[in-house]
């Protein structure tokens, strides 16, 4: 009986582990959602910004969302998850290791392909820090940046910045 119980526990743990790996968001999803936001704002310009404040809108999916930054003024322009961020400065925002990650992402605003960075964040309800990767690109039509991030432990930033995703 004990062996059967142990076997059932082992199978449950393996299934839970397989589900976690399978359900982890992929960098490609972030890339394509941010590019969708890029094209959306390139067409609608300023009039499209309010869409990004909707936590249930087209730019919020699974456990992530696209937000808009103004790297020139170092402020959040639109944010679907935390309305208090809208219009405030991110100049002093740090990850849990002291990295000013938004400022770091803004160092590459002239890139026509966008940029990936990593930072460390405490996932809600957990005690350990987890690695997040963020993809950001500038929308020249409105001189703002669109970005999204996910928890990810497997992809190197160098690899991501070299990846040429099909359009």
Foldseek 3Di string as FASTA:
>chain_A
DVVVVVVVVVVVVVVVVVCVVVPFDDVVVFLVLQVVVLVVCLVVPPVPQVQQQACPHPQHDDPKGKWKAQLVQQATCHHNPDPVRHPDHLQCPAAPVGHSVVNVQSVPAVDQSWAKDKGWHADPPDDDIFIKIKTKYANVSHNMIMMMIGGDDPDDRVVVRPDDDDD
